[in-house]
Structures are given as C-alpha cells and as structure tokens.
Protein backbone atom coordinates (compact mmCIF):
# COMPACT_ATOMS: atom_id res chain seq x y z
CA MET A 1 -83.68 -59.57 -205.27
CA GLU A 2 -84.64 -60.24 -208.90
CA SER A 3 -86.97 -63.06 -209.80
CA ILE A 4 -85.27 -66.19 -211.10
CA ALA A 5 -87.20 -68.07 -213.75
CA ALA A 6 -86.16 -71.51 -212.51
CA THR A 7 -84.08 -72.10 -209.40
CA ASP A 8 -82.13 -75.36 -209.50
CA VAL A 9 -82.72 -76.80 -206.03
CA ARG A 10 -79.84 -79.28 -206.15
CA THR A 11 -77.42 -76.47 -207.06
CA LEU A 12 -78.89 -74.33 -204.28
CA ILE A 13 -78.18 -77.10 -201.73
CA ASN A 14 -74.74 -77.93 -203.15
CA GLU A 15 -73.45 -74.37 -203.22
CA GLY A 16 -74.86 -73.21 -199.91
CA ASN A 17 -73.78 -73.80 -196.34
CA LEU A 18 -75.83 -75.93 -193.98
CA SER A 19 -78.64 -73.74 -192.70
CA ARG A 20 -80.19 -74.11 -189.27
CA TYR A 21 -83.18 -75.72 -190.98
CA GLN A 22 -80.95 -78.42 -192.54
CA GLN A 23 -79.10 -78.88 -189.25
CA ARG A 24 -82.42 -79.53 -187.51
CA ILE A 25 -83.29 -82.18 -190.10
CA ILE A 26 -79.91 -83.84 -189.52
CA ALA A 27 -80.41 -83.73 -185.73
CA LEU A 28 -83.87 -85.33 -186.00
CA CYS A 29 -82.51 -88.05 -188.26
CA PHE A 30 -79.66 -88.68 -185.80
CA ALA A 31 -82.31 -89.13 -183.09
CA VAL A 32 -84.21 -91.65 -185.23
CA VAL A 33 -81.04 -93.68 -185.87
CA ALA A 34 -80.19 -93.53 -182.14
CA MET A 35 -83.65 -94.92 -181.28
CA ASP A 36 -83.09 -97.60 -183.92
CA GLY A 37 -79.68 -98.55 -182.48
CA MET A 38 -81.01 -98.65 -178.94
CA ASP A 39 -83.96 -100.84 -179.92
CA ILE A 40 -81.89 -103.36 -181.87
CA ALA A 41 -79.48 -103.73 -178.94
CA LEU A 42 -82.14 -104.11 -176.23
CA MET A 43 -82.55 -107.88 -176.47
CA GLY A 44 -78.84 -108.39 -175.89
CA PHE A 45 -79.05 -106.38 -172.67
CA ILE A 46 -82.06 -108.23 -171.23
CA THR A 47 -81.06 -111.76 -172.33
CA PRO A 48 -79.33 -112.83 -169.05
CA ALA A 49 -82.24 -111.62 -166.90
CA LEU A 50 -84.79 -113.14 -169.28
CA LYS A 51 -83.09 -116.56 -169.18
CA THR A 52 -83.31 -116.56 -165.39
CA ALA A 53 -86.87 -115.23 -165.20
CA TRP A 54 -88.41 -117.50 -167.84
CA ASN A 55 -85.96 -120.41 -167.69
CA VAL A 56 -85.55 -120.37 -171.48
CA SER A 57 -82.65 -121.76 -173.47
CA THR A 58 -80.06 -119.87 -175.45
CA HIS A 59 -81.50 -121.47 -178.59
CA GLN A 60 -84.97 -120.04 -177.87
CA LEU A 61 -83.54 -116.58 -177.30
CA GLY A 62 -81.58 -116.95 -180.53
CA VAL A 63 -84.84 -117.56 -182.37
CA VAL A 64 -86.29 -114.35 -180.89
CA ILE A 65 -83.24 -112.35 -182.00
CA SER A 66 -83.39 -113.96 -185.46
CA ALA A 67 -87.08 -113.04 -185.77
CA ALA A 68 -86.17 -109.38 -185.32
CA LEU A 69 -83.41 -109.64 -187.94
CA ILE A 70 -85.79 -111.27 -190.43
CA GLY A 71 -88.23 -108.42 -189.79
CA LEU A 72 -85.41 -105.95 -190.38
CA ALA A 73 -84.62 -107.48 -193.76
CA LEU A 74 -88.25 -107.56 -194.90
CA GLY A 75 -88.95 -104.06 -193.56
CA ALA A 76 -86.04 -102.65 -195.55
CA MET A 77 -87.01 -104.45 -198.76
CA PHE A 78 -90.62 -103.24 -198.71
CA ALA A 79 -90.09 -99.75 -197.30
CA GLY A 80 -87.79 -98.53 -200.09
CA PRO A 81 -90.29 -98.76 -202.96
CA LEU A 82 -93.00 -97.32 -200.69
CA ALA A 83 -90.78 -94.35 -199.82
CA ASP A 84 -90.06 -93.70 -203.50
CA ARG A 85 -93.79 -93.68 -204.15
CA PHE A 86 -95.29 -91.98 -201.09
CA GLY A 87 -92.35 -90.03 -199.68
CA ARG A 88 -89.51 -90.43 -197.21
CA ARG A 89 -91.18 -88.53 -194.37
CA VAL A 90 -94.31 -90.68 -194.05
CA ILE A 91 -92.28 -93.91 -194.04
CA ILE A 92 -89.80 -92.61 -191.44
CA VAL A 93 -92.51 -91.33 -189.09
CA SER A 94 -94.60 -94.49 -189.51
CA SER A 95 -91.61 -96.76 -188.90
CA VAL A 96 -90.61 -94.95 -185.69
CA PHE A 97 -94.19 -95.18 -184.40
CA PHE A 98 -94.36 -98.83 -185.44
CA PHE A 99 -91.17 -100.04 -183.79
CA GLY A 100 -91.86 -97.98 -180.65
CA LEU A 101 -95.34 -99.49 -180.33
CA TRP A 102 -94.21 -103.10 -180.78
CA THR A 103 -91.23 -102.69 -178.45
CA LEU A 104 -93.68 -101.51 -175.81
CA ALA A 105 -95.88 -104.53 -176.54
CA THR A 106 -92.84 -106.83 -176.17
CA ALA A 107 -92.47 -105.68 -172.55
CA PHE A 108 -95.83 -107.28 -171.80
CA SER A 109 -95.14 -110.63 -173.51
CA HIS A 110 -96.33 -113.64 -171.53
CA ASN A 111 -94.23 -116.29 -173.28
CA ILE A 112 -91.41 -116.75 -175.75
CA ASP A 113 -93.77 -117.22 -178.72
CA GLN A 114 -95.43 -113.84 -178.13
CA MET A 115 -92.03 -112.22 -177.76
CA MET A 116 -90.87 -113.74 -181.05
CA LEU A 117 -93.94 -112.34 -182.86
CA PHE A 118 -93.56 -108.88 -181.31
CA ARG A 119 -89.84 -108.73 -182.13
CA PHE A 120 -90.57 -109.69 -185.74
CA LEU A 121 -93.10 -106.83 -185.98
CA THR A 122 -90.61 -104.50 -184.28
CA GLY A 123 -88.02 -105.52 -186.86
CA LEU A 124 -90.31 -104.50 -189.72
CA GLY A 125 -90.37 -100.95 -188.37
CA LEU A 126 -86.66 -100.89 -187.59
CA GLY A 127 -85.79 -102.08 -191.10
CA ALA A 128 -87.81 -99.30 -192.69
CA ALA A 129 -86.24 -96.48 -190.67
CA MET A 130 -82.49 -96.42 -191.28
CA PRO A 131 -82.24 -96.61 -195.10
CA ASN A 132 -84.92 -93.93 -195.53
CA VAL A 133 -83.22 -91.68 -192.99
CA GLY A 134 -80.02 -92.01 -195.04
CA THR A 135 -81.95 -91.13 -198.19
CA LEU A 136 -83.55 -88.04 -196.64
CA VAL A 137 -80.24 -86.79 -195.23
CA ALA A 138 -78.53 -87.32 -198.60
CA GLU A 139 -81.16 -85.21 -200.33
CA TYR A 140 -80.71 -82.28 -197.94
CA SER A 141 -76.88 -82.42 -197.87
CA PRO A 142 -74.40 -80.60 -200.13
CA GLU A 143 -72.64 -83.20 -202.27
CA ARG A 144 -69.22 -82.01 -201.11
CA LYS A 145 -70.14 -82.95 -197.51
CA ARG A 146 -72.73 -85.65 -198.13
CA ALA A 147 -70.72 -88.73 -197.13
CA PHE A 148 -69.47 -87.16 -193.90
CA ILE A 149 -72.94 -85.92 -192.88
CA ILE A 150 -74.51 -89.33 -193.51
CA THR A 151 -71.82 -91.07 -191.45
CA VAL A 152 -72.36 -88.57 -188.62
CA VAL A 153 -76.07 -89.41 -188.63
CA PHE A 154 -75.39 -93.15 -188.64
CA CYS A 155 -73.05 -92.78 -185.67
CA GLY A 156 -76.33 -92.31 -183.82
CA PHE A 157 -76.70 -96.11 -184.00
CA THR A 158 -73.76 -96.80 -181.66
CA PHE A 159 -74.77 -93.80 -179.53
CA GLY A 160 -78.25 -95.25 -179.05
CA ALA A 161 -76.94 -98.78 -178.43
CA ALA A 162 -74.51 -97.49 -175.79
CA GLY A 163 -77.22 -95.37 -174.17
CA GLY A 164 -79.49 -98.41 -174.01
CA GLY A 165 -76.71 -100.35 -172.30
CA PHE A 166 -76.22 -97.72 -169.61
CA ALA A 167 -79.99 -97.49 -169.08
CA ALA A 168 -80.33 -101.28 -168.85
CA SER A 169 -77.53 -101.55 -166.29
CA TRP A 170 -79.56 -99.33 -163.95
CA LEU A 171 -83.13 -100.33 -164.85
CA ILE A 172 -82.84 -104.14 -164.68
CA PRO A 173 -81.62 -104.33 -161.04
CA HIS A 174 -84.26 -101.83 -159.89
CA TYR A 175 -87.32 -102.58 -162.06
CA GLY A 176 -86.66 -105.82 -163.95
CA TRP A 177 -86.12 -106.59 -167.64
CA PRO A 178 -89.56 -105.35 -168.85
CA SER A 179 -88.64 -101.81 -167.79
CA VAL A 180 -85.88 -101.71 -170.43
CA LEU A 181 -88.39 -102.54 -173.19
CA ILE A 182 -90.90 -100.02 -171.80
CA VAL A 183 -88.33 -97.23 -171.98
CA GLY A 184 -87.17 -98.50 -175.39
CA GLY A 185 -90.74 -98.28 -176.64
CA LEU A 186 -91.75 -94.98 -175.08
CA LEU A 187 -88.76 -92.96 -176.30
CA PRO A 188 -89.47 -93.51 -180.03
CA LEU A 189 -93.16 -92.76 -179.45
CA LEU A 190 -92.23 -89.50 -177.71
CA ILE A 191 -90.21 -88.25 -180.69
CA VAL A 192 -93.00 -89.01 -183.20
CA PRO A 193 -94.76 -85.65 -182.49
CA MET A 194 -91.42 -83.86 -183.03
CA LEU A 195 -90.99 -85.60 -186.37
CA LEU A 196 -94.53 -84.72 -187.41
CA LYS A 197 -93.92 -81.08 -186.54
CA TRP A 198 -90.36 -80.48 -187.74
CA LEU A 199 -89.32 -83.18 -190.22
CA PRO A 200 -90.11 -82.09 -193.81
CA GLU A 201 -90.47 -84.20 -196.90
CA SER A 202 -87.44 -84.35 -199.16
CA VAL A 203 -87.60 -81.32 -201.45
CA CYS A 204 -85.83 -83.36 -204.16
CA PHE A 205 -88.54 -86.03 -203.88
CA LEU A 206 -91.25 -83.38 -204.17
CA LEU A 207 -89.64 -82.04 -207.34
CA ALA A 208 -89.29 -85.52 -208.81
CA ARG A 209 -93.00 -86.13 -208.10
CA ASN A 210 -94.07 -82.76 -209.54
CA ALA A 211 -95.51 -81.52 -206.24
CA PRO A 212 -97.23 -78.10 -206.12
CA VAL A 213 -94.77 -75.19 -206.38
CA ALA A 214 -96.15 -73.55 -203.24
CA LYS A 215 -95.31 -76.64 -201.17
CA ILE A 216 -91.75 -76.69 -202.49
CA ARG A 217 -91.34 -72.94 -201.99
CA ARG A 218 -92.31 -73.17 -198.30
CA ILE A 219 -89.46 -75.61 -197.68
CA ILE A 220 -86.93 -73.64 -199.76
CA GLU A 221 -87.79 -70.42 -197.93
CA LYS A 222 -87.10 -72.09 -194.58
CA MET A 223 -83.89 -73.64 -195.85
CA VAL A 224 -82.44 -70.53 -197.51
CA PRO A 225 -84.31 -67.49 -196.19
CA ASP A 226 -84.26 -64.34 -198.35
CA GLN A 227 -82.65 -66.13 -201.30
CA VAL A 228 -85.79 -67.11 -203.19
CA HIS A 229 -88.24 -64.73 -204.83
CA HIS A 230 -91.92 -65.19 -204.12
CA ASP A 231 -92.70 -66.05 -207.76
CA SER A 232 -89.65 -68.27 -208.44
CA GLN A 233 -90.10 -71.62 -210.12
CA PHE A 234 -88.03 -74.65 -209.14
CA THR A 235 -86.29 -77.38 -211.04
CA MET A 236 -83.66 -80.06 -210.56
CA VAL A 237 -81.07 -80.95 -213.18
CA GLU A 238 -81.53 -84.70 -213.33
CA ARG A 239 -82.34 -86.81 -216.35
CA ALA A 240 -85.99 -87.70 -216.76
CA GLN A 241 -86.37 -91.39 -215.97
CA GLN A 242 -88.49 -93.73 -218.04
CA HIS A 243 -88.55 -96.50 -215.41
CA GLY A 244 -90.18 -96.85 -212.01
CA ALA A 245 -87.94 -97.13 -208.96
CA VAL A 246 -87.83 -100.94 -208.84
CA ARG A 247 -87.33 -101.28 -212.59
CA LEU A 248 -84.53 -98.71 -212.57
CA VAL A 249 -82.61 -100.42 -209.74
CA MET A 250 -82.83 -103.67 -211.73
CA SER A 251 -82.21 -102.08 -215.14
CA ARG A 252 -79.06 -102.76 -217.16
CA PRO A 253 -77.29 -99.42 -216.38
CA TYR A 254 -77.71 -99.93 -212.62
CA LEU A 255 -77.94 -103.71 -212.11
CA LEU A 256 -74.22 -104.47 -211.85
CA GLY A 257 -73.65 -101.65 -209.36
CA SER A 258 -76.73 -102.71 -207.39
CA VAL A 259 -75.57 -106.31 -207.13
CA LEU A 260 -72.10 -105.20 -206.05
CA LEU A 261 -73.58 -102.89 -203.39
CA TRP A 262 -75.77 -105.73 -202.11
CA GLY A 263 -72.86 -108.16 -202.06
CA GLY A 264 -70.56 -105.70 -200.34
CA TYR A 265 -73.10 -104.81 -197.64
CA PHE A 266 -73.99 -108.50 -197.17
CA MET A 267 -70.33 -109.29 -196.51
CA GLY A 268 -69.90 -106.18 -194.36
CA LEU A 269 -72.82 -106.90 -192.02
CA PHE A 270 -71.84 -110.58 -191.89
CA LEU A 271 -68.42 -109.52 -190.58
CA VAL A 272 -69.59 -106.81 -188.20
CA TYR A 273 -72.34 -108.90 -186.60
CA LEU A 274 -70.21 -112.04 -186.34
CA ILE A 275 -67.26 -110.26 -184.73
CA GLY A 276 -69.49 -108.18 -182.45
CA SER A 277 -71.40 -111.27 -181.28
CA TRP A 278 -68.61 -113.80 -180.89
CA LEU A 279 -65.51 -111.74 -180.04
CA PRO A 280 -66.21 -111.91 -176.26
CA SER A 281 -66.42 -115.73 -176.36
CA LEU A 282 -63.29 -116.06 -178.48
CA VAL A 283 -61.31 -113.77 -176.17
CA ARG A 284 -62.55 -115.72 -173.15
CA ASP A 285 -61.22 -118.92 -174.77
CA LEU A 286 -57.74 -117.37 -174.62
CA GLY A 287 -57.99 -117.47 -170.82
CA MET A 288 -58.92 -113.81 -170.32
CA THR A 289 -61.57 -112.67 -167.83
CA VAL A 290 -65.12 -111.57 -168.60
CA THR A 291 -64.14 -107.97 -167.85
CA GLN A 292 -61.15 -108.12 -170.22
CA ALA A 293 -63.33 -109.67 -172.96
CA ALA A 294 -65.92 -106.89 -172.52
CA LEU A 295 -63.20 -104.24 -172.73
CA VAL A 296 -61.76 -105.68 -175.95
CA THR A 297 -65.25 -105.83 -177.51
CA ALA A 298 -66.04 -102.30 -176.37
CA MET A 299 -62.86 -101.07 -178.06
CA TYR A 300 -63.95 -102.80 -181.27
CA GLN A 301 -67.27 -100.91 -181.17
CA ALA A 302 -65.60 -97.61 -180.23
CA GLY A 303 -63.29 -97.92 -183.23
CA GLY A 304 -66.35 -98.13 -185.45
CA THR A 305 -67.65 -94.73 -184.39
CA ILE A 306 -64.39 -92.93 -185.16
CA GLY A 307 -63.86 -95.02 -188.28
CA SER A 308 -67.28 -94.00 -189.60
CA LEU A 309 -66.36 -90.32 -189.42
CA PHE A 310 -63.01 -91.01 -191.09
CA ALA A 311 -64.68 -93.00 -193.88
CA GLY A 312 -67.13 -90.17 -194.58
CA TRP A 313 -64.33 -87.59 -194.58
CA LEU A 314 -62.23 -89.70 -196.98
CA MET A 315 -65.18 -90.40 -199.31
CA ASP A 316 -65.83 -86.66 -199.71
CA ARG A 317 -62.23 -86.07 -200.80
CA TYR A 318 -61.52 -89.06 -203.05
CA ASN A 319 -63.56 -91.46 -205.13
CA ALA A 320 -65.93 -93.05 -202.62
CA ASN A 321 -65.61 -96.58 -204.07
CA LEU A 322 -61.82 -96.51 -203.94
CA ALA A 323 -61.82 -94.99 -200.44
CA LEU A 324 -64.04 -97.76 -199.05
CA ALA A 325 -62.15 -100.46 -200.98
CA ALA A 326 -58.90 -99.31 -199.34
CA ILE A 327 -60.49 -99.25 -195.86
CA TYR A 328 -61.97 -102.76 -196.26
CA PHE A 329 -58.59 -104.04 -197.50
CA ALA A 330 -56.86 -102.60 -194.44
CA GLY A 331 -59.66 -104.09 -192.33
CA ALA A 332 -58.99 -107.55 -193.75
CA ILE A 333 -55.35 -107.41 -192.70
CA ILE A 334 -56.04 -105.98 -189.24
CA THR A 335 -58.92 -108.40 -188.57
CA MET A 336 -56.64 -111.33 -189.39
CA ALA A 337 -54.12 -109.84 -186.95
CA ILE A 338 -56.63 -110.29 -184.09
CA GLY A 339 -56.16 -114.03 -184.45
CA TYR A 340 -52.40 -113.74 -184.05
CA ALA A 341 -52.29 -111.11 -181.30
CA PRO A 342 -51.05 -112.22 -177.86
CA ALA A 343 -53.55 -112.66 -175.02
CA ASP A 344 -52.77 -109.20 -173.67
CA THR A 345 -55.60 -106.78 -172.93
CA LEU A 346 -53.82 -103.69 -174.23
CA VAL A 347 -52.60 -105.29 -177.47
CA LEU A 348 -55.89 -107.03 -178.23
CA SER A 349 -57.86 -103.86 -177.45
CA LEU A 350 -55.69 -101.84 -179.82
CA VAL A 351 -55.98 -104.36 -182.66
CA ALA A 352 -59.75 -104.74 -182.08
CA PHE A 353 -60.12 -100.94 -182.12
CA CYS A 354 -58.34 -100.76 -185.49
CA SER A 355 -60.46 -103.60 -186.88
CA GLY A 356 -63.67 -101.87 -185.81
CA PHE A 357 -62.32 -98.58 -187.18
CA CYS A 358 -62.00 -100.16 -190.64
CA LEU A 359 -64.90 -102.63 -190.84
CA ASN A 360 -67.61 -100.71 -188.95
CA GLY A 361 -66.44 -97.42 -190.45
CA ALA A 362 -66.54 -98.71 -194.02
CA ASN A 363 -69.93 -100.33 -193.40
CA THR A 364 -71.36 -96.97 -192.37
CA GLY A 365 -69.83 -95.42 -195.47
CA MET A 366 -71.80 -97.87 -197.64
CA ASN A 367 -74.95 -95.92 -196.73
CA ALA A 368 -73.49 -92.78 -198.30
CA LEU A 369 -72.28 -94.77 -201.31
CA SER A 370 -75.74 -96.17 -202.09
CA ALA A 371 -77.39 -92.77 -201.60
CA SER A 372 -75.03 -91.27 -204.20
CA TYR A 373 -75.43 -94.08 -206.73
CA TYR A 374 -79.15 -93.81 -207.50
CA PRO A 375 -81.22 -90.91 -208.88
CA THR A 376 -83.80 -89.26 -206.64
CA HIS A 377 -86.86 -91.25 -207.66
CA ALA A 378 -85.16 -94.61 -206.97
CA ARG A 379 -82.79 -93.67 -204.15
CA ALA A 380 -84.89 -95.06 -201.29
CA THR A 381 -85.49 -98.33 -203.11
CA GLY A 382 -81.80 -98.82 -203.94
CA SER A 383 -80.61 -97.99 -200.42
CA SER A 384 -83.33 -100.04 -198.71
CA TRP A 385 -82.69 -103.11 -200.81
CA MET A 386 -79.00 -102.89 -199.96
CA HIS A 387 -80.01 -102.88 -196.29
CA GLY A 388 -82.41 -105.79 -196.79
CA VAL A 389 -79.81 -108.02 -198.44
CA GLY A 390 -77.23 -106.94 -195.88
CA ARG A 391 -79.50 -108.07 -193.03
CA ILE A 392 -79.47 -111.58 -194.50
CA GLY A 393 -75.70 -111.51 -193.96
CA ALA A 394 -76.32 -110.49 -190.34
CA ILE A 395 -78.75 -113.41 -189.87
CA LEU A 396 -76.32 -115.93 -191.37
CA SER A 397 -73.46 -114.60 -189.23
CA ALA A 398 -75.14 -115.94 -186.10
CA PHE A 399 -75.20 -119.47 -187.51
CA ALA A 400 -71.69 -119.19 -189.00
CA GLY A 401 -70.19 -118.04 -185.71
CA ALA A 402 -71.90 -120.81 -183.77
CA GLN A 403 -70.69 -123.38 -186.30
CA MET A 404 -67.09 -122.15 -186.10
CA LEU A 405 -67.11 -122.48 -182.33
CA SER A 406 -68.93 -125.81 -182.30
CA ILE A 407 -66.30 -127.48 -184.51
CA GLY A 408 -63.59 -126.14 -182.23
CA TRP A 409 -61.94 -123.48 -184.36
CA HIS A 410 -59.25 -121.49 -182.58
CA ILE A 411 -59.36 -117.68 -182.62
CA THR A 412 -56.55 -117.71 -185.21
CA GLU A 413 -58.58 -119.84 -187.64
CA VAL A 414 -61.73 -117.77 -187.11
CA PHE A 415 -60.14 -114.40 -187.82
CA THR A 416 -58.00 -115.66 -190.68
CA SER A 417 -61.18 -116.89 -192.39
CA LEU A 418 -62.93 -113.56 -191.70
CA ALA A 419 -60.31 -111.72 -193.76
CA ILE A 420 -61.82 -113.38 -196.87
CA PRO A 421 -65.21 -111.57 -196.88
CA ALA A 422 -63.43 -108.26 -196.20
CA LEU A 423 -61.16 -108.84 -199.21
CA LEU A 424 -64.16 -109.83 -201.36
CA THR A 425 -65.94 -106.59 -200.39
CA SER A 426 -62.86 -104.59 -201.34
CA LEU A 427 -62.75 -106.38 -204.70
CA MET A 428 -66.47 -105.75 -205.34
CA LEU A 429 -66.02 -102.03 -204.74
CA LEU A 430 -63.12 -101.94 -207.20
CA VAL A 431 -65.28 -103.69 -209.82
CA LYS A 432 -68.12 -101.24 -209.11
CA TYR A 433 -65.70 -98.32 -209.59
CA ARG A 434 -64.49 -99.77 -212.90
CA TYR A 435 -67.71 -101.07 -214.43
CA GLY A 436 -70.68 -99.90 -212.32
CA TYR A 437 -71.07 -96.40 -213.73
CA ARG A 438 -71.49 -97.06 -217.43
CA ARG A 439 -74.60 -95.18 -218.52
CA PRO A 440 -76.12 -94.85 -221.97
CA GLU A 441 -76.57 -91.33 -223.26
CA GLN A 442 -80.29 -91.49 -222.63
CA GLU A 443 -81.55 -93.67 -219.84
C-alpha cells in the first residue's frame, strides 16, 4: 500500500465499517452506562427495606435521593471541561472508580446523614460518566450511524436499572439492603481494570490536542488494520478554533443552540423523572392494584428502550432536530392521553408504553444531538453541561410531582399539564433547527 501524506481520520471513520476494535469500545461504553443506570436506581430498590430497618421518613429518604441528583448535576458540569482538557478516557475511568467506591461506602453507612454524604459523592462520579461516554462513542462512530449507535449505548441505562431490580429482589430477602449496595459498588470497580486495558482515548481528541503521531497511529492501526502505512501522517478536517471549550460553548455562534439544548433536556428529564416517579401513585388513585400500577409503569419504561432505538434510527435518516421535535410533539399528545384513558390495565399499559416510547426515546436522542452539535475540542463540555442542566429538571420534578398530588390534582389534570413541557421541547428543537446553526465564515 502506498504511503499517504495525510490521512483524514474523520473520513476514515465515516467511510469505513465498524471494526471489531470499535465494537469493543461501544461494548465497554454500554457496560459503563449499565453500571450507571444500575447505581442510580439502587436507592429506589432499597427504600422500603431501609424505612423499616432505620425507621426513617419518606422526607428523609427524599433528601438522600436529592443529594445524589445534585451530585449528578455538579459532576456533569465540572467533568465536561476536564474531559476536553485532559481526555475522555481518564474522566470515564476515574468516574467509574469513584461512583463504585462511594456506592460501596454507602453500604456501610451508620445513619441517614452519612448516607446523604456518600450518595452526593456517588452522584459526582455518576454525573461525570454518561456525557463523556456519549462523547467518546460519537468520536469513534461513523456519522451515518452515529445517532443510532449512541442510543444503543444509552439503552444500557435501562438494562442496568432492570438488572439492579432483579438482583435486589433476590438479595434483599436473603442478605438485607446493604448487600444491594455492595454488589452495586463492586461491579463498577471490577470493570475498571477492563477499561484501563481496553478503552482507548478518543483519536479525534488526540488529534485536536496535537498528540504524538506514534500514539495516534497505534490506535488507527488497531481500528483499521492494514489500511495505514507506517509513515502516514494524520489530520482531521475541522476548523481551527480560537476559543477554549467553555468559551466556545458560550460564544455567539453556539450560544443559542446551547441554550436550546439545555432547555430541551431540562424539560425532557423533568418529564421522564416525574412520570417515572409518580405514575404508580397516580394509577393507584384510579383504584387499580399495586401489581397493575407496577405493570403500567414497567410498560412506560419498556417503551423508552424501543423508542430510543427508533429515535436514533430516525435521526440518522432525517434532520436530527426535526426528528426529535416530531417525536416530542407526538409524546405530548400521547402523554396527555394517559390522563383520559380508562382505568383498564391493557389500555393504560399501551398508552404508557407509547408515551415512554416518545419521551424516553427522544431524551436518549438528545445525547446524540449534542454530540453532533459541537466540534471535537468542546464536545465533552457541551454535552456535559446539557446533562448538568437537565439534572436540575430531574431534581425539580420530585418537588413538582409531590406538589401536584398534595393539592389533589386528578390524573387528568397532571398529564394534561405535562403535555406543556413536551410541546415546549418540540418548539425549542424547531428554533434550534432554524436559527442554531448560523456560523460565521471563520470562527
């Protein structure tokens, strides 16, 4: 093979098929997101046993859960700029180690105050993991398949949460609630050596940071064996940026799109967390049993997994902003329909499934949208800040849901009002499509 003066790495990734090396990266990132999903869901699984064992109130447990969400928001906000400076790999590996360690420590809490502190520290690690995983996957994925691959990886979240639920259902009766946290802490720690051995740094990041050619070549040779000459040079066709990552995200060409991404994800997580948390109670108020309420909620979550894959598929074939705007709009209508559906398990389960399909699916798609919006050297910052602002929506959803129930709102009033944030998200994505991509000739 003849020597190529300068191989464009982005073109190489875009035009090639997924190699086994790239597939391994995707699999490792799926595992990280699964650990993340399991860890976030753990407190929900142990709450009933913890209330009995420690005689604590629902309010106190709510504070513990909120502490983790605050940690998630802060972890995301700080981890993005660090990843754009020091690399995606080091932040991902550190975050997995960090949240595994503090989850393990939570198992040995002696009181609710210690647990609140440990869950806050756990949240810092959890918040740093997911947005940087999305960034790394985006930078190893062909653009024609990028949205679908990212949504596949983020389906690991529901996979991990479900796995944690099955594990908790067996562990708690046999070994008590601390055993769930011990397993939830050990599993992330066990995959850290695998990440250290097999997870590479983003080759696009290395190029953007002018890393040594030999280091870049070693990764390229593993990714596309026999396609790169030993003396090839590497480049990436991307405009040279005059701003640092934080300044670029806040700069005039990107600010409007950034704000719209933040607003959309804020609304999206507000909806998803509120419905996921309060749907069982609202269904119970219709006179249905605990089992029926659990089934309806499970169908809502199951719809999200399939909807995520559909959203990624649609985003790769049409304009991603318009695709997500259409899904959120459909989600607004279907979510409102939950409030008007009869108290029938089959009907409610079907409507809840369709609502989760749209809202959870579109929310997952937002990760691919943010990864595509920013250039390499600011991608982690942009995606992480979207996650950080979105987590604030998740925190507020807990208070909003409690307030709706405390003032006696019926399920019809609750879900009619929840159509509003879904419509606002759809509108923000349309504005981003129309006005968020105006760039000067030289940035």
